Amino acid sequence: MKKTTKTKTAAQKKRAIVMKEFKKGELRSGSGALVSNPKQAVAIAYSEGRNAKKKNK
Protein backbone atom coordinates (compact mmCIF):
# COMPACT_ATOMS: atom_id res chain seq x y z
CA MET A 1 0.00 0.00 0.00
CA LYS A 2 1.45 3.33 -1.07
CA LYS A 3 1.64 6.24 1.29
CA THR A 4 0.35 9.44 -0.18
CA THR A 5 1.77 12.75 0.85
CA LYS A 6 -0.74 15.07 2.36
CA THR A 7 -0.66 18.63 1.13
CA LYS A 8 -2.72 21.55 2.30
CA THR A 9 -5.33 22.88 -0.05
CA ALA A 10 -5.62 26.57 -0.84
CA ALA A 11 -8.61 26.81 1.48
CA GLN A 12 -6.70 25.27 4.40
CA LYS A 13 -3.78 27.63 3.87
CA LYS A 14 -6.08 30.66 3.75
CA ARG A 15 -7.88 29.58 6.93
CA ALA A 16 -4.54 29.25 8.73
CA ILE A 17 -3.46 32.73 7.60
CA VAL A 18 -6.74 34.30 8.75
CA MET A 19 -6.59 32.63 12.18
CA LYS A 20 -2.99 33.82 12.65
CA GLU A 21 -4.15 37.36 11.87
CA PHE A 22 -6.87 37.01 14.51
CA LYS A 23 -4.44 35.74 17.14
CA LYS A 24 -2.12 38.70 16.46
CA GLY A 25 -5.08 41.09 16.73
CA GLU A 26 -4.83 42.25 13.11
CA LEU A 27 -7.97 40.66 11.61
CA ARG A 28 -10.58 43.09 10.36
CA SER A 29 -14.13 42.48 9.19
CA GLY A 30 -15.57 43.64 5.89
CA SER A 31 -16.59 46.98 7.39
CA GLY A 32 -13.05 47.57 8.63
CA ALA A 33 -13.77 47.00 12.33
CA LEU A 34 -11.29 44.95 14.35
CA VAL A 35 -12.56 41.41 15.03
CA SER A 36 -12.53 40.44 18.72
CA ASN A 37 -14.95 37.50 18.71
CA PRO A 38 -13.32 34.12 17.98
CA LYS A 39 -16.54 32.76 16.44
CA GLN A 40 -16.60 35.66 13.99
CA ALA A 41 -12.94 34.99 13.14
CA VAL A 42 -13.73 31.35 12.34
CA ALA A 43 -16.65 32.43 10.14
CA ILE A 44 -14.39 34.84 8.24
CA ALA A 45 -11.71 32.15 7.89
CA TYR A 46 -14.13 29.63 6.37
CA SER A 47 -15.63 32.26 4.08
CA GLU A 48 -12.24 33.35 2.76
CA GLY A 49 -11.24 29.70 2.45
CA ARG A 50 -14.24 29.04 0.20
CA ASN A 51 -13.30 32.03 -1.93
CA ALA A 52 -9.70 30.79 -2.23
CA LYS A 53 -10.97 27.37 -3.25
CA LYS A 54 -13.18 28.87 -6.00
CA LYS A 55 -10.33 31.06 -7.22
CA ASN A 56 -8.01 28.04 -7.65
CA LYS A 57 -10.39 26.14 -9.91
PDB file of N, CA and C in Angstrom:
ATOM      1  N   MET A   1       0.840  -1.178   0.000  1.00  0.00           N
ATOM      2  CA  MET A   1       0.000   0.000   0.000  1.00  0.00           C
ATOM      3  C   MET A   1       0.888   1.245   0.000  1.00  0.00           C
ATOM      4  N   LYS A   2       0.647   2.125  -0.949  1.00  0.00           N
ATOM      5  CA  LYS A   2       1.454   3.333  -1.066  1.00  0.00           C
ATOM      6  C   LYS A   2       1.003   4.392  -0.071  1.00  0.00           C
ATOM      7  N   LYS A   3       1.967   5.109   0.436  1.00  0.00           N
ATOM      8  CA  LYS A   3       1.643   6.241   1.287  1.00  0.00           C
ATOM      9  C   LYS A   3       1.545   7.469   0.405  1.00  0.00           C
ATOM     10  N   THR A   4       0.495   8.210   0.587  1.00  0.00           N
ATOM     11  CA  THR A   4       0.346   9.437  -0.179  1.00  0.00           C
ATOM     12  C   THR A   4       0.771  10.609   0.693  1.00  0.00           C
ATOM     13  N   THR A   5       1.394  11.566   0.097  1.00  0.00           N
ATOM     14  CA  THR A   5       1.772  12.752   0.851  1.00  0.00           C
ATOM     15  C   THR A   5       0.560  13.655   0.967  1.00  0.00           C
ATOM     16  N   LYS A   6       0.396  14.190   2.129  1.00  0.00           N
ATOM     17  CA  LYS A   6      -0.737  15.074   2.358  1.00  0.00           C
ATOM     18  C   LYS A   6      -0.276  16.514   2.177  1.00  0.00           C
ATOM     19  N   THR A   7      -0.959  17.224   1.337  1.00  0.00           N
ATOM     20  CA  THR A   7      -0.655  18.632   1.130  1.00  0.00           C
ATOM     21  C   THR A   7      -1.874  19.458   1.510  1.00  0.00           C
ATOM     22  N   LYS A   8      -1.624  20.660   1.934  1.00  0.00           N
ATOM     23  CA  LYS A   8      -2.719  21.546   2.303  1.00  0.00           C
ATOM     24  C   LYS A   8      -3.332  22.152   1.055  1.00  0.00           C
ATOM     25  N   THR A   9      -4.639  22.244   1.059  1.00  0.00           N
ATOM     26  CA  THR A   9      -5.326  22.883  -0.054  1.00  0.00           C
ATOM     27  C   THR A   9      -5.244  24.396   0.113  1.00  0.00           C
ATOM     28  N   ALA A  10      -5.628  25.110  -0.900  1.00  0.00           N
ATOM     29  CA  ALA A  10      -5.621  26.569  -0.841  1.00  0.00           C
ATOM     30  C   ALA A  10      -6.537  27.070   0.266  1.00  0.00           C
ATOM     31  N   ALA A  11      -7.662  26.393   0.454  1.00  0.00           N
ATOM     32  CA  ALA A  11      -8.612  26.808   1.482  1.00  0.00           C
ATOM     33  C   ALA A  11      -8.014  26.627   2.880  1.00  0.00           C
ATOM     34  N   GLN A  12      -7.311  25.521   3.099  1.00  0.00           N
ATOM     35  CA  GLN A  12      -6.701  25.273   4.405  1.00  0.00           C
ATOM     36  C   GLN A  12      -5.614  26.299   4.703  1.00  0.00           C
ATOM     37  N   LYS A  13      -4.838  26.642   3.688  1.00  0.00           N
ATOM     38  CA  LYS A  13      -3.781  27.634   3.868  1.00  0.00           C
ATOM     39  C   LYS A  13      -4.374  28.992   4.218  1.00  0.00           C
ATOM     40  N   LYS A  14      -5.444  29.364   3.513  1.00  0.00           N
ATOM     41  CA  LYS A  14      -6.077  30.656   3.745  1.00  0.00           C
ATOM     42  C   LYS A  14      -6.673  30.724   5.144  1.00  0.00           C
ATOM     43  N   ARG A  15      -7.307  29.620   5.586  1.00  0.00           N
ATOM     44  CA  ARG A  15      -7.882  29.585   6.929  1.00  0.00           C
ATOM     45  C   ARG A  15      -6.796  29.759   7.985  1.00  0.00           C
ATOM     46  N   ALA A  16      -5.647  29.129   7.777  1.00  0.00           N
ATOM     47  CA  ALA A  16      -4.541  29.247   8.730  1.00  0.00           C
ATOM     48  C   ALA A  16      -4.035  30.690   8.794  1.00  0.00           C
ATOM     49  N   ILE A  17      -3.928  31.332   7.650  1.00  0.00           N
ATOM     50  CA  ILE A  17      -3.461  32.726   7.596  1.00  0.00           C
ATOM     51  C   ILE A  17      -4.428  33.642   8.342  1.00  0.00           C
ATOM     52  N   VAL A  18      -5.728  33.445   8.113  1.00  0.00           N
ATOM     53  CA  VAL A  18      -6.739  34.299   8.751  1.00  0.00           C
ATOM     54  C   VAL A  18      -6.725  34.108  10.259  1.00  0.00           C
ATOM     55  N   MET A  19      -6.595  32.875  10.732  1.00  0.00           N
ATOM     56  CA  MET A  19      -6.593  32.633  12.176  1.00  0.00           C
ATOM     57  C   MET A  19      -5.331  33.200  12.829  1.00  0.00           C
ATOM     58  N   LYS A  20      -4.210  33.195  12.120  1.00  0.00           N
ATOM     59  CA  LYS A  20      -2.994  33.817  12.653  1.00  0.00           C
ATOM     60  C   LYS A  20      -3.185  35.320  12.788  1.00  0.00           C
ATOM     61  N   GLU A  21      -3.853  35.923  11.797  1.00  0.00           N
ATOM     62  CA  GLU A  21      -4.147  37.356  11.870  1.00  0.00           C
ATOM     63  C   GLU A  21      -5.007  37.655  13.090  1.00  0.00           C
ATOM     64  N   PHE A  22      -5.992  36.800  13.353  1.00  0.00           N
ATOM     65  CA  PHE A  22      -6.872  37.008  14.509  1.00  0.00           C
ATOM     66  C   PHE A  22      -6.082  36.915  15.804  1.00  0.00           C
ATOM     67  N   LYS A  23      -5.218  35.920  15.916  1.00  0.00           N
ATOM     68  CA  LYS A  23      -4.438  35.738  17.139  1.00  0.00           C
ATOM     69  C   LYS A  23      -3.498  36.913  17.393  1.00  0.00           C
ATOM     70  N   LYS A  24      -2.997  37.526  16.313  1.00  0.00           N
ATOM     71  CA  LYS A  24      -2.124  38.699  16.457  1.00  0.00           C
ATOM     72  C   LYS A  24      -2.925  39.962  16.748  1.00  0.00           C
ATOM     73  N   GLY A  25      -4.243  39.916  16.522  1.00  0.00           N
ATOM     74  CA  GLY A  25      -5.085  41.086  16.730  1.00  0.00           C
ATOM     75  C   GLY A  25      -5.134  41.999  15.521  1.00  0.00           C
ATOM     76  N   GLU A  26      -4.866  41.442  14.330  1.00  0.00           N
ATOM     77  CA  GLU A  26      -4.835  42.245  13.111  1.00  0.00           C
ATOM     78  C   GLU A  26      -6.002  41.975  12.171  1.00  0.00           C
ATOM     79  N   LEU A  27      -6.883  41.032  12.511  1.00  0.00           N
ATOM     80  CA  LEU A  27      -7.975  40.659  11.609  1.00  0.00           C
ATOM     81  C   LEU A  27      -9.076  41.702  11.650  1.00  0.00           C
ATOM     82  N   ARG A  28      -9.511  42.110  10.474  1.00  0.00           N
ATOM     83  CA  ARG A  28     -10.584  43.094  10.364  1.00  0.00           C
ATOM     84  C   ARG A  28     -11.743  42.507   9.563  1.00  0.00           C
ATOM     85  N   SER A  29     -12.939  42.941   9.907  1.00  0.00           N
ATOM     86  CA  SER A  29     -14.130  42.483   9.193  1.00  0.00           C
ATOM     87  C   SER A  29     -14.281  43.276   7.906  1.00  0.00           C
ATOM     88  N   GLY A  30     -15.327  42.968   7.158  1.00  0.00           N
ATOM     89  CA  GLY A  30     -15.566  43.644   5.889  1.00  0.00           C
ATOM     90  C   GLY A  30     -15.788  45.135   6.036  1.00  0.00           C
ATOM     91  N   SER A  31     -16.339  45.552   7.174  1.00  0.00           N
ATOM     92  CA  SER A  31     -16.589  46.977   7.391  1.00  0.00           C
ATOM     93  C   SER A  31     -15.349  47.710   7.888  1.00  0.00           C
ATOM     94  N   GLY A  32     -14.291  46.957   8.188  1.00  0.00           N
ATOM     95  CA  GLY A  32     -13.048  47.575   8.633  1.00  0.00           C
ATOM     96  C   GLY A  32     -12.860  47.563  10.144  1.00  0.00           C
ATOM     97  N   ALA A  33     -13.871  47.067  10.872  1.00  0.00           N
ATOM     98  CA  ALA A  33     -13.765  47.005  12.326  1.00  0.00           C
ATOM     99  C   ALA A  33     -12.892  45.825  12.746  1.00  0.00           C
ATOM    100  N   LEU A  34     -12.158  46.000  13.834  1.00  0.00           N
ATOM    101  CA  LEU A  34     -11.292  44.955  14.347  1.00  0.00           C
ATOM    102  C   LEU A  34     -12.142  43.816  14.910  1.00  0.00           C
ATOM    103  N   VAL A  35     -11.798  42.578  14.585  1.00  0.00           N
ATOM    104  CA  VAL A  35     -12.557  41.413  15.028  1.00  0.00           C
ATOM    105  C   VAL A  35     -12.032  40.972  16.389  1.00  0.00           C
ATOM    106  N   SER A  36     -12.943  40.875  17.383  1.00  0.00           N
ATOM    107  CA  SER A  36     -12.532  40.443  18.716  1.00  0.00           C
ATOM    108  C   SER A  36     -13.209  39.143  19.131  1.00  0.00           C
ATOM    109  N   ASN A  37     -14.217  38.719  18.384  1.00  0.00           N
ATOM    110  CA  ASN A  37     -14.954  37.503  18.708  1.00  0.00           C
ATOM    111  C   ASN A  37     -14.360  36.323  17.945  1.00  0.00           C
ATOM    112  N   PRO A  38     -13.912  35.271  18.657  1.00  0.00           N
ATOM    113  CA  PRO A  38     -13.322  34.117  17.978  1.00  0.00           C
ATOM    114  C   PRO A  38     -14.281  33.424  17.008  1.00  0.00           C
ATOM    115  N   LYS A  39     -15.570  33.398  17.334  1.00  0.00           N
ATOM    116  CA  LYS A  39     -16.538  32.765  16.436  1.00  0.00           C
ATOM    117  C   LYS A  39     -16.635  33.530  15.122  1.00  0.00           C
ATOM    118  N   GLN A  40     -16.563  34.845  15.193  1.00  0.00           N
ATOM    119  CA  GLN A  40     -16.600  35.657  13.988  1.00  0.00           C
ATOM    120  C   GLN A  40     -15.338  35.420  13.166  1.00  0.00           C
ATOM    121  N   ALA A  41     -14.205  35.250  13.839  1.00  0.00           N
ATOM    122  CA  ALA A  41     -12.940  34.989  13.144  1.00  0.00           C
ATOM    123  C   ALA A  41     -13.002  33.665  12.389  1.00  0.00           C
ATOM    124  N   VAL A  42     -13.591  32.655  12.993  1.00  0.00           N
ATOM    125  CA  VAL A  42     -13.732  31.354  12.335  1.00  0.00           C
ATOM    126  C   VAL A  42     -14.641  31.484  11.122  1.00  0.00           C
ATOM    127  N   ALA A  43     -15.724  32.233  11.259  1.00  0.00           N
ATOM    128  CA  ALA A  43     -16.646  32.430  10.141  1.00  0.00           C
ATOM    129  C   ALA A  43     -15.945  33.129   8.979  1.00  0.00           C
ATOM    130  N   ILE A  44     -15.141  34.128   9.280  1.00  0.00           N
ATOM    131  CA  ILE A  44     -14.389  34.835   8.236  1.00  0.00           C
ATOM    132  C   ILE A  44     -13.387  33.895   7.583  1.00  0.00           C
ATOM    133  N   ALA A  45     -12.721  33.083   8.403  1.00  0.00           N
ATOM    134  CA  ALA A  45     -11.713  32.149   7.887  1.00  0.00           C
ATOM    135  C   ALA A  45     -12.338  31.166   6.904  1.00  0.00           C
ATOM    136  N   TYR A  46     -13.482  30.588   7.267  1.00  0.00           N
ATOM    137  CA  TYR A  46     -14.134  29.631   6.367  1.00  0.00           C
ATOM    138  C   TYR A  46     -14.655  30.309   5.108  1.00  0.00           C
ATOM    139  N   SER A  47     -15.142  31.526   5.245  1.00  0.00           N
ATOM    140  CA  SER A  47     -15.633  32.258   4.083  1.00  0.00           C
ATOM    141  C   SER A  47     -14.503  32.561   3.105  1.00  0.00           C
ATOM    142  N   GLU A  48     -13.376  33.044   3.634  1.00  0.00           N
ATOM    143  CA  GLU A  48     -12.240  33.350   2.762  1.00  0.00           C
ATOM    144  C   GLU A  48     -11.633  32.071   2.192  1.00  0.00           C
ATOM    145  N   GLY A  49     -11.718  30.981   2.945  1.00  0.00           N
ATOM    146  CA  GLY A  49     -11.238  29.696   2.447  1.00  0.00           C
ATOM    147  C   GLY A  49     -12.050  29.216   1.263  1.00  0.00           C
ATOM    148  N   ARG A  50     -13.375  29.401   1.328  1.00  0.00           N
ATOM    149  CA  ARG A  50     -14.236  29.036   0.205  1.00  0.00           C
ATOM    150  C   ARG A  50     -13.891  29.864  -1.023  1.00  0.00           C
ATOM    151  N   ASN A  51     -13.646  31.154  -0.808  1.00  0.00           N
ATOM    152  CA  ASN A  51     -13.296  32.027  -1.930  1.00  0.00           C
ATOM    153  C   ASN A  51     -11.965  31.620  -2.548  1.00  0.00           C
ATOM    154  N   ALA A  52     -11.004  31.228  -1.722  1.00  0.00           N
ATOM    155  CA  ALA A  52      -9.702  30.794  -2.229  1.00  0.00           C
ATOM    156  C   ALA A  52      -9.843  29.492  -3.023  1.00  0.00           C
ATOM    157  N   LYS A  53     -10.729  28.643  -2.566  1.00  0.00           N
ATOM    158  CA  LYS A  53     -10.974  27.369  -3.248  1.00  0.00           C
ATOM    159  C   LYS A  53     -11.575  27.621  -4.642  1.00  0.00           C
ATOM    160  N   LYS A  54     -12.542  28.542  -4.716  1.00  0.00           N
ATOM    161  CA  LYS A  54     -13.185  28.874  -6.002  1.00  0.00           C
ATOM    162  C   LYS A  54     -12.180  29.509  -6.958  1.00  0.00           C
ATOM    163  N   LYS A  55     -11.294  30.331  -6.401  1.00  0.00           N
ATOM    164  CA  LYS A  55     -10.332  31.056  -7.218  1.00  0.00           C
ATOM    165  C   LYS A  55      -9.316  30.096  -7.840  1.00  0.00           C
ATOM    166  N   ASN A  56      -8.993  28.998  -7.160  1.00  0.00           N
ATOM    167  CA  ASN A  56      -8.014  28.037  -7.645  1.00  0.00           C
ATOM    168  C   ASN A  56      -8.527  27.174  -8.787  1.00  0.00           C
ATOM    169  N   LYS A  57      -9.835  27.020  -8.883  1.00  0.00           N
ATOM    170  CA  LYS A  57     -10.389  26.136  -9.913  1.00  0.00           C
ATOM    171  C   LYS A  57     -10.316  26.729 -11.275  1.00  0.00           C
TER     172      LYS A  57
END
